[in-house]
């Protein structure tokens, strides 16, 4: 986890899917083509799952953005972030 937050980007059939953690305003967000579709407050580190359904090419897709906190001796050290579409993980690129 970076001090100010993290941003992960993936491409899915020509659409930009983003997972953003903003440590300044304490929000974890899922974006599709720059539009926030799901978000949750993250004042204290905890496991988060953001879910959203969208339609593309006549099919409904389930997207899940998640953040799983890794801790040692009860102290949160880092998080494993990921995006699944219809249960299939998307390859993410971390950007600044």
Protein backbone atom coordinates (compact mmCIF):
# COMPACT_ATOMS: atom_id res chain seq x y z
CA UNK A 1 0.00 0.00 0.00
CA UNK A 2 1.37 3.37 -0.96
CA UNK A 3 1.17 6.28 1.47
CA UNK A 4 -1.46 8.21 -0.52
CA UNK A 5 -3.19 5.20 -2.07
CA UNK A 6 -3.10 2.75 -4.95
CA UNK A 7 -4.55 2.62 -8.47
CA UNK A 8 -4.82 -0.56 -10.52
CA UNK A 9 -5.98 -0.56 -14.14
CA UNK A 10 -7.15 -3.37 -16.41
CA UNK A 11 -8.63 -3.53 -19.90
CA UNK A 12 -11.73 -5.61 -20.56
CA UNK A 13 -13.06 -5.78 -24.12
CA UNK A 14 -12.16 -2.14 -24.78
CA UNK A 15 -13.33 -0.82 -21.40
CA UNK A 16 -11.03 0.51 -18.68
CA UNK A 17 -11.64 -1.08 -15.28
CA UNK A 18 -9.96 0.58 -12.28
CA UNK A 19 -9.59 -0.22 -8.60
CA UNK A 20 -8.59 2.84 -6.55
CA UNK A 21 -7.70 3.20 -2.89
CA UNK A 22 -7.50 6.84 -1.79
CA UNK A 23 -5.85 7.08 1.62
CA UNK A 24 -6.53 10.82 1.93
CA UNK A 25 -10.33 10.57 1.83
CA UNK A 26 -10.36 6.90 3.00
CA UNK A 27 -12.36 5.43 0.08
CA UNK A 28 -11.90 2.23 -1.95
CA UNK A 29 -13.58 2.55 -5.39
CA UNK A 30 -14.35 0.47 -8.48
CA UNK A 31 -14.53 2.44 -11.75
CA UNK A 32 -15.60 1.49 -15.26
CA UNK A 33 -14.53 3.90 -18.00
CA UNK A 34 -13.82 6.59 -15.39
CA UNK A 35 -17.24 6.34 -13.68
CA UNK A 36 -17.44 5.19 -10.05
CA UNK A 37 -19.80 2.20 -9.95
CA UNK A 38 -19.13 1.04 -6.36
CA UNK A 39 -17.23 2.38 -3.37
CA UNK A 40 -16.78 1.79 0.33
CA UNK A 41 -15.27 3.79 3.18
CA UNK A 42 -11.99 2.33 4.45
CA UNK A 43 -11.15 4.39 7.51
CA UNK A 44 -9.48 1.36 9.14
CA UNK A 45 -7.88 -1.43 7.10
CA UNK A 46 -10.31 -4.31 6.51
CA UNK A 47 -11.26 -6.78 3.77
CA UNK A 48 -13.50 -5.19 1.13
CA UNK A 49 -15.54 -6.60 -1.75
CA UNK A 50 -17.17 -4.22 -4.22
CA UNK A 51 -19.76 -5.80 -6.54
CA UNK A 52 -21.39 -4.46 -9.68
CA UNK A 53 -23.36 -5.93 -12.57
CA UNK A 54 -23.14 -4.44 -16.05
CA UNK A 55 -24.35 -5.34 -19.50
CA UNK A 56 -22.05 -5.52 -22.50
CA UNK A 57 -22.82 -6.94 -25.94
CA UNK A 58 -26.17 -8.30 -24.75
CA UNK A 59 -24.66 -10.20 -21.78
CA UNK A 60 -24.77 -9.37 -18.09
CA UNK A 61 -21.42 -9.54 -16.32
CA UNK A 62 -20.65 -9.66 -12.60
CA UNK A 63 -17.58 -7.67 -11.57
CA UNK A 64 -15.98 -7.95 -8.14
CA UNK A 65 -13.20 -5.68 -6.92
CA UNK A 66 -11.57 -6.84 -3.72
CA UNK A 67 -8.94 -5.88 -1.22
CA UNK A 68 -7.72 -8.55 1.21
CA UNK A 69 -5.63 -7.17 4.08
CA UNK A 70 -2.44 -9.05 4.93
CA UNK A 71 -1.39 -8.69 8.54
CA UNK A 72 1.38 -9.91 10.81
CA UNK A 73 0.74 -10.22 14.55
CA UNK A 74 -2.57 -8.42 14.05
CA UNK A 75 -1.04 -5.36 12.36
CA UNK A 76 -2.12 -4.62 8.77
CA UNK A 77 0.95 -4.46 6.53
CA UNK A 78 -0.34 -4.63 2.98
CA UNK A 79 -3.32 -5.61 0.86
CA UNK A 80 -3.86 -7.94 -2.08
CA UNK A 81 -6.12 -6.16 -4.56
CA UNK A 82 -7.84 -7.79 -7.49
CA UNK A 83 -10.68 -7.67 -10.00
CA UNK A 84 -12.79 -10.63 -11.13
CA UNK A 85 -15.22 -10.53 -14.04
CA UNK A 86 -17.56 -13.51 -14.12
CA UNK A 87 -15.15 -15.27 -11.74
CA UNK A 88 -12.11 -14.78 -13.99
CA UNK A 89 -9.26 -12.60 -12.64
CA UNK A 90 -8.17 -9.64 -14.74
CA UNK A 91 -4.46 -8.88 -15.07
CA UNK A 92 -3.91 -5.56 -13.28
CA UNK A 93 -1.29 -2.90 -13.87
CA UNK A 94 -0.39 -0.68 -10.92
CA UNK A 95 -0.16 2.98 -11.95
CA UNK A 96 0.82 6.08 -10.03
